[in-house]
Amino acid sequence: MIRKNLFFKECVIKLGFIYLVLIALNFIFLEYRTSQNMWWANIIIFSGHSKLAFSITALMIITLIYGFYLWFKALLKFVVWGEDLLLLRFLYLAYLLLTPIIITIFVSELFSMFLTNPYAQSKP
C-alpha cells in the first residue's frame, strides 16, 4: 500500500502538475506569439524577439527537462527497479507511457478549438 501511495504522489501528482504547467506555458507562448504577429516564427526565432519571449521559452525548456527527469526517475524506480508484482509494474509502465500521449492529444484538440487562428482573416 505504501508503494502505491508513493507512485500516486510521485507520478500522478508531481508529473500531473508538470503537465499542467507545460500546458499553461505553451498556451501563453502561442497566444503571445500570435499577438505579436509572429505566428510564423519557430521557437528559436521567437525567443530572440524580446525578453518576455525568452523568459517564456526558457521556462518551458526548464520545465520540460525537469519533467523528463521526474518521468525517467519514476520509470526506473517503479518499473525497472521495482519489487512489485509483474502486473503492477506493467500497469505503472502503461501509465507512464500513455499519459503524456493522451494529454498531448487532448490538449492539441483543446488548443485547436480555443486558440487564436492567425489565418482567420484570409479564409475565403
N, C-alpha and C. Protein backbone atom coordinates (compact mmCIF):
# COMPACT_ATOMS: atom_id res chain seq x y z
N MET A 1 0.81 -1.19 0.00
CA MET A 1 0.00 0.00 0.00
C MET A 1 0.86 1.26 0.00
N ILE A 2 1.98 1.21 0.72
CA ILE A 2 2.86 2.36 0.77
C ILE A 2 3.43 2.64 -0.61
N ARG A 3 3.75 1.60 -1.35
CA ARG A 3 4.32 1.75 -2.69
C ARG A 3 3.32 2.41 -3.64
N LYS A 4 2.03 2.03 -3.51
CA LYS A 4 1.01 2.63 -4.37
C LYS A 4 0.81 4.10 -4.03
N ASN A 5 0.87 4.43 -2.74
CA ASN A 5 0.75 5.84 -2.35
C ASN A 5 1.94 6.64 -2.86
N LEU A 6 3.12 6.04 -2.84
CA LEU A 6 4.31 6.70 -3.35
C LEU A 6 4.21 6.91 -4.86
N PHE A 7 3.69 5.92 -5.57
CA PHE A 7 3.50 6.07 -7.02
C PHE A 7 2.50 7.19 -7.30
N PHE A 8 1.41 7.22 -6.54
CA PHE A 8 0.41 8.27 -6.73
C PHE A 8 1.03 9.65 -6.49
N LYS A 9 1.81 9.79 -5.43
CA LYS A 9 2.42 11.08 -5.10
C LYS A 9 3.44 11.49 -6.13
N GLU A 10 4.32 10.57 -6.51
CA GLU A 10 5.42 10.94 -7.39
C GLU A 10 5.02 11.02 -8.86
N CYS A 11 4.09 10.19 -9.27
CA CYS A 11 3.75 10.16 -10.69
C CYS A 11 2.49 10.95 -11.01
N VAL A 12 1.44 10.66 -10.31
CA VAL A 12 0.17 11.31 -10.64
C VAL A 12 0.19 12.78 -10.23
N ILE A 13 0.62 13.07 -9.02
CA ILE A 13 0.60 14.45 -8.53
C ILE A 13 1.73 15.28 -9.15
N LYS A 14 2.98 14.84 -8.98
CA LYS A 14 4.11 15.64 -9.46
C LYS A 14 4.12 15.75 -10.98
N LEU A 15 4.01 14.62 -11.68
CA LEU A 15 4.03 14.68 -13.14
C LEU A 15 2.78 15.35 -13.69
N GLY A 16 1.66 15.16 -13.02
CA GLY A 16 0.44 15.86 -13.44
C GLY A 16 0.59 17.36 -13.32
N PHE A 17 1.24 17.82 -12.26
CA PHE A 17 1.49 19.26 -12.11
C PHE A 17 2.44 19.76 -13.19
N ILE A 18 3.46 18.98 -13.51
CA ILE A 18 4.38 19.36 -14.59
C ILE A 18 3.63 19.45 -15.92
N TYR A 19 2.73 18.50 -16.20
CA TYR A 19 1.93 18.55 -17.42
C TYR A 19 1.08 19.82 -17.46
N LEU A 20 0.46 20.16 -16.33
CA LEU A 20 -0.37 21.37 -16.29
C LEU A 20 0.45 22.64 -16.50
N VAL A 21 1.62 22.69 -15.90
CA VAL A 21 2.50 23.86 -16.08
C VAL A 21 2.94 23.97 -17.54
N LEU A 22 3.28 22.84 -18.15
CA LEU A 22 3.68 22.87 -19.57
C LEU A 22 2.52 23.32 -20.46
N ILE A 23 1.32 22.87 -20.15
CA ILE A 23 0.15 23.27 -20.93
C ILE A 23 -0.06 24.78 -20.80
N ALA A 24 0.03 25.30 -19.59
CA ALA A 24 -0.15 26.73 -19.37
C ALA A 24 0.93 27.54 -20.08
N LEU A 25 2.17 27.11 -19.98
CA LEU A 25 3.26 27.83 -20.64
C LEU A 25 3.13 27.77 -22.16
N ASN A 26 2.71 26.63 -22.70
CA ASN A 26 2.51 26.55 -24.14
C ASN A 26 1.37 27.45 -24.59
N PHE A 27 0.31 27.51 -23.82
CA PHE A 27 -0.80 28.40 -24.15
C PHE A 27 -0.34 29.86 -24.15
N ILE A 28 0.40 30.25 -23.11
CA ILE A 28 0.91 31.62 -23.02
C ILE A 28 1.85 31.90 -24.19
N PHE A 29 2.72 30.95 -24.49
CA PHE A 29 3.67 31.12 -25.60
C PHE A 29 2.94 31.32 -26.93
N LEU A 30 1.97 30.45 -27.21
CA LEU A 30 1.28 30.53 -28.50
C LEU A 30 0.44 31.81 -28.62
N GLU A 31 -0.25 32.18 -27.55
CA GLU A 31 -1.05 33.40 -27.59
C GLU A 31 -0.17 34.64 -27.70
N TYR A 32 0.94 34.68 -26.97
CA TYR A 32 1.84 35.83 -27.05
C TYR A 32 2.49 35.93 -28.42
N ARG A 33 2.87 34.80 -28.97
CA ARG A 33 3.48 34.80 -30.30
C ARG A 33 2.50 35.29 -31.35
N THR A 34 1.24 34.86 -31.24
CA THR A 34 0.22 35.30 -32.20
C THR A 34 -0.10 36.78 -32.00
N SER A 35 -0.15 37.24 -30.75
CA SER A 35 -0.46 38.65 -30.50
C SER A 35 0.65 39.58 -30.99
N GLN A 36 1.85 39.08 -31.12
CA GLN A 36 2.97 39.88 -31.63
C GLN A 36 3.10 39.79 -33.15
N ASN A 37 2.11 39.18 -33.80
CA ASN A 37 2.12 38.94 -35.25
C ASN A 37 3.35 38.17 -35.71
N MET A 38 3.77 37.24 -34.87
CA MET A 38 4.89 36.38 -35.23
C MET A 38 4.44 34.93 -35.24
N TRP A 39 3.23 34.68 -35.68
CA TRP A 39 2.68 33.32 -35.71
C TRP A 39 3.49 32.41 -36.61
N TRP A 40 4.26 32.98 -37.52
CA TRP A 40 5.05 32.22 -38.47
C TRP A 40 6.38 31.76 -37.87
N ALA A 41 6.81 32.37 -36.76
CA ALA A 41 8.14 32.13 -36.22
C ALA A 41 8.20 30.84 -35.40
N ASN A 42 9.32 30.16 -35.51
CA ASN A 42 9.51 28.99 -34.65
C ASN A 42 10.02 29.46 -33.28
N ILE A 43 10.24 28.52 -32.39
CA ILE A 43 10.57 28.88 -31.01
C ILE A 43 11.93 29.56 -30.89
N ILE A 44 12.88 29.20 -31.74
CA ILE A 44 14.22 29.80 -31.67
C ILE A 44 14.18 31.25 -32.13
N ILE A 45 13.52 31.51 -33.22
CA ILE A 45 13.42 32.88 -33.72
C ILE A 45 12.61 33.74 -32.75
N PHE A 46 11.51 33.20 -32.26
CA PHE A 46 10.65 33.98 -31.39
C PHE A 46 11.29 34.27 -30.03
N SER A 47 12.09 33.36 -29.51
CA SER A 47 12.70 33.59 -28.19
C SER A 47 13.71 34.73 -28.23
N GLY A 48 14.25 35.04 -29.37
CA GLY A 48 15.15 36.18 -29.50
C GLY A 48 14.44 37.49 -29.76
N HIS A 49 13.13 37.45 -29.82
CA HIS A 49 12.33 38.63 -30.14
C HIS A 49 12.29 39.64 -29.00
N SER A 50 12.11 39.18 -27.77
CA SER A 50 12.05 40.08 -26.62
C SER A 50 12.44 39.32 -25.36
N LYS A 51 12.58 40.07 -24.27
CA LYS A 51 12.93 39.43 -23.00
C LYS A 51 11.80 38.55 -22.49
N LEU A 52 10.57 38.98 -22.69
CA LEU A 52 9.42 38.19 -22.25
C LEU A 52 9.33 36.88 -23.04
N ALA A 53 9.55 36.94 -24.34
CA ALA A 53 9.52 35.73 -25.16
C ALA A 53 10.64 34.78 -24.74
N PHE A 54 11.81 35.33 -24.44
CA PHE A 54 12.91 34.48 -23.98
C PHE A 54 12.59 33.85 -22.64
N SER A 55 11.98 34.62 -21.75
CA SER A 55 11.61 34.09 -20.42
C SER A 55 10.60 32.96 -20.53
N ILE A 56 9.59 33.13 -21.37
CA ILE A 56 8.60 32.09 -21.56
C ILE A 56 9.24 30.83 -22.14
N THR A 57 10.10 31.01 -23.13
CA THR A 57 10.77 29.88 -23.75
C THR A 57 11.69 29.17 -22.76
N ALA A 58 12.44 29.94 -21.98
CA ALA A 58 13.35 29.35 -21.00
C ALA A 58 12.56 28.56 -19.95
N LEU A 59 11.45 29.12 -19.48
CA LEU A 59 10.62 28.41 -18.50
C LEU A 59 10.07 27.12 -19.09
N MET A 60 9.66 27.16 -20.35
CA MET A 60 9.15 25.95 -20.99
C MET A 60 10.24 24.88 -21.07
N ILE A 61 11.43 25.26 -21.47
CA ILE A 61 12.51 24.29 -21.63
C ILE A 61 12.94 23.73 -20.28
N ILE A 62 13.06 24.59 -19.26
CA ILE A 62 13.44 24.13 -17.92
C ILE A 62 12.39 23.18 -17.36
N THR A 63 11.11 23.53 -17.52
CA THR A 63 10.04 22.67 -17.03
C THR A 63 10.02 21.35 -17.77
N LEU A 64 10.25 21.38 -19.07
CA LEU A 64 10.27 20.15 -19.86
C LEU A 64 11.42 19.24 -19.43
N ILE A 65 12.59 19.80 -19.20
CA ILE A 65 13.73 19.00 -18.77
C ILE A 65 13.50 18.42 -17.38
N TYR A 66 12.96 19.24 -16.47
CA TYR A 66 12.68 18.75 -15.12
C TYR A 66 11.59 17.67 -15.15
N GLY A 67 10.58 17.86 -15.99
CA GLY A 67 9.54 16.85 -16.12
C GLY A 67 10.07 15.54 -16.69
N PHE A 68 10.96 15.63 -17.66
CA PHE A 68 11.56 14.41 -18.21
C PHE A 68 12.42 13.71 -17.16
N TYR A 69 13.12 14.50 -16.35
CA TYR A 69 13.92 13.92 -15.27
C TYR A 69 13.03 13.18 -14.28
N LEU A 70 11.92 13.79 -13.87
CA LEU A 70 11.00 13.13 -12.94
C LEU A 70 10.38 11.88 -13.58
N TRP A 71 10.03 11.97 -14.85
CA TRP A 71 9.44 10.83 -15.55
C TRP A 71 10.43 9.66 -15.61
N PHE A 72 11.67 9.97 -15.98
CA PHE A 72 12.69 8.93 -16.10
C PHE A 72 13.00 8.31 -14.74
N LYS A 73 13.07 9.15 -13.70
CA LYS A 73 13.31 8.66 -12.35
C LYS A 73 12.18 7.74 -11.89
N ALA A 74 10.93 8.12 -12.20
CA ALA A 74 9.79 7.28 -11.84
C ALA A 74 9.81 5.97 -12.62
N LEU A 75 10.19 6.03 -13.89
CA LEU A 75 10.28 4.82 -14.70
C LEU A 75 11.29 3.85 -14.11
N LEU A 76 12.45 4.35 -13.74
CA LEU A 76 13.45 3.48 -13.13
C LEU A 76 13.00 2.96 -11.78
N LYS A 77 12.43 3.83 -10.96
CA LYS A 77 12.08 3.46 -9.60
C LYS A 77 10.94 2.45 -9.53
N PHE A 78 9.91 2.63 -10.35
CA PHE A 78 8.72 1.80 -10.23
C PHE A 78 8.67 0.64 -11.22
N VAL A 79 9.33 0.76 -12.36
CA VAL A 79 9.24 -0.28 -13.37
C VAL A 79 10.52 -1.13 -13.41
N VAL A 80 11.66 -0.49 -13.53
CA VAL A 80 12.91 -1.24 -13.71
C VAL A 80 13.39 -1.83 -12.39
N TRP A 81 13.48 -0.99 -11.34
CA TRP A 81 14.00 -1.46 -10.07
C TRP A 81 12.89 -1.86 -9.10
N GLY A 82 11.64 -1.79 -9.53
CA GLY A 82 10.52 -2.09 -8.65
C GLY A 82 10.49 -3.55 -8.22
N GLU A 83 10.00 -3.75 -7.01
CA GLU A 83 9.91 -5.11 -6.48
C GLU A 83 8.46 -5.56 -6.39
N ASP A 84 7.58 -4.89 -7.11
CA ASP A 84 6.16 -5.23 -7.10
C ASP A 84 5.89 -6.40 -8.05
N LEU A 85 4.64 -6.82 -8.07
CA LEU A 85 4.24 -7.87 -8.99
C LEU A 85 4.44 -7.41 -10.43
N LEU A 86 4.62 -8.34 -11.31
CA LEU A 86 4.86 -8.02 -12.72
C LEU A 86 3.67 -7.28 -13.32
N LEU A 87 2.46 -7.66 -12.96
CA LEU A 87 1.27 -6.98 -13.48
C LEU A 87 1.22 -5.54 -13.02
N LEU A 88 1.56 -5.28 -11.77
CA LEU A 88 1.56 -3.92 -11.25
C LEU A 88 2.64 -3.08 -11.93
N ARG A 89 3.79 -3.66 -12.15
CA ARG A 89 4.86 -2.95 -12.86
C ARG A 89 4.45 -2.65 -14.30
N PHE A 90 3.72 -3.57 -14.92
CA PHE A 90 3.22 -3.32 -16.27
C PHE A 90 2.21 -2.18 -16.27
N LEU A 91 1.35 -2.12 -15.27
CA LEU A 91 0.39 -1.02 -15.17
C LEU A 91 1.10 0.32 -14.94
N TYR A 92 2.14 0.31 -14.12
CA TYR A 92 2.94 1.53 -13.94
C TYR A 92 3.56 1.98 -15.26
N LEU A 93 4.10 1.02 -16.00
CA LEU A 93 4.70 1.33 -17.29
C LEU A 93 3.66 1.88 -18.26
N ALA A 94 2.51 1.26 -18.31
CA ALA A 94 1.44 1.73 -19.20
C ALA A 94 1.02 3.15 -18.83
N TYR A 95 0.89 3.42 -17.54
CA TYR A 95 0.52 4.76 -17.10
C TYR A 95 1.59 5.77 -17.50
N LEU A 96 2.85 5.45 -17.24
CA LEU A 96 3.93 6.39 -17.54
C LEU A 96 4.10 6.63 -19.03
N LEU A 97 3.80 5.63 -19.86
CA LEU A 97 3.96 5.80 -21.30
C LEU A 97 2.73 6.42 -21.97
N LEU A 98 1.55 6.06 -21.51
CA LEU A 98 0.34 6.50 -22.20
C LEU A 98 -0.17 7.87 -21.74
N THR A 99 0.07 8.24 -20.50
CA THR A 99 -0.45 9.51 -20.00
C THR A 99 0.06 10.71 -20.80
N PRO A 100 1.36 10.85 -21.08
CA PRO A 100 1.79 12.01 -21.88
C PRO A 100 1.18 12.01 -23.29
N ILE A 101 1.00 10.84 -23.87
CA ILE A 101 0.42 10.77 -25.22
C ILE A 101 -1.04 11.21 -25.19
N ILE A 102 -1.80 10.71 -24.22
CA ILE A 102 -3.21 11.07 -24.12
C ILE A 102 -3.38 12.55 -23.81
N ILE A 103 -2.56 13.08 -22.91
CA ILE A 103 -2.64 14.50 -22.58
C ILE A 103 -2.28 15.35 -23.79
N THR A 104 -1.28 14.94 -24.56
CA THR A 104 -0.89 15.69 -25.76
C THR A 104 -2.01 15.74 -26.78
N ILE A 105 -2.66 14.62 -27.01
CA ILE A 105 -3.78 14.59 -27.96
C ILE A 105 -4.93 15.45 -27.47
N PHE A 106 -5.27 15.32 -26.20
CA PHE A 106 -6.37 16.08 -25.63
C PHE A 106 -6.10 17.59 -25.67
N VAL A 107 -4.89 17.98 -25.29
CA VAL A 107 -4.55 19.41 -25.27
C VAL A 107 -4.45 19.97 -26.68
N SER A 108 -3.94 19.20 -27.63
CA SER A 108 -3.88 19.71 -29.00
C SER A 108 -5.27 19.95 -29.57
N GLU A 109 -6.23 19.10 -29.19
CA GLU A 109 -7.62 19.34 -29.61
C GLU A 109 -8.18 20.59 -28.95
N LEU A 110 -7.90 20.77 -27.67
CA LEU A 110 -8.36 21.98 -26.98
C LEU A 110 -7.73 23.23 -27.58
N PHE A 111 -6.43 23.18 -27.85
CA PHE A 111 -5.76 24.33 -28.43
C PHE A 111 -6.32 24.65 -29.81
N SER A 112 -6.63 23.65 -30.60
CA SER A 112 -7.15 23.91 -31.94
C SER A 112 -8.54 24.54 -31.87
N MET A 113 -9.28 24.29 -30.80
CA MET A 113 -10.61 24.89 -30.66
C MET A 113 -10.56 26.31 -30.10
N PHE A 114 -9.64 26.59 -29.17
CA PHE A 114 -9.71 27.83 -28.42
C PHE A 114 -8.64 28.86 -28.72
N LEU A 115 -7.56 28.48 -29.37
CA LEU A 115 -6.51 29.46 -29.64
C LEU A 115 -6.87 30.33 -30.83
N THR A 116 -6.24 31.49 -30.88
CA THR A 116 -6.45 32.42 -31.98
C THR A 116 -5.92 31.82 -33.28
N ASN A 117 -6.71 31.89 -34.31
CA ASN A 117 -6.31 31.38 -35.61
C ASN A 117 -5.73 32.54 -36.43
N PRO A 118 -4.42 32.53 -36.74
CA PRO A 118 -3.84 33.64 -37.49
C PRO A 118 -4.32 33.70 -38.94
N TYR A 119 -4.89 32.62 -39.44
CA TYR A 119 -5.37 32.61 -40.83
C TYR A 119 -6.85 32.94 -40.94
N ALA A 120 -7.49 33.33 -39.85
CA ALA A 120 -8.94 33.53 -39.86
C ALA A 120 -9.36 34.61 -40.85
N GLN A 121 -8.56 35.64 -41.02
CA GLN A 121 -8.93 36.74 -41.91
C GLN A 121 -8.70 36.40 -43.38
N SER A 122 -7.86 35.43 -43.69
CA SER A 122 -7.54 35.13 -45.07
C SER A 122 -8.31 33.96 -45.64
N LYS A 123 -9.26 33.41 -44.89
CA LYS A 123 -10.04 32.29 -45.40
C LYS A 123 -11.07 32.81 -46.40
N PRO A 124 -11.32 32.06 -47.49
CA PRO A 124 -12.29 32.53 -48.49
C PRO A 124 -13.72 32.41 -48.00
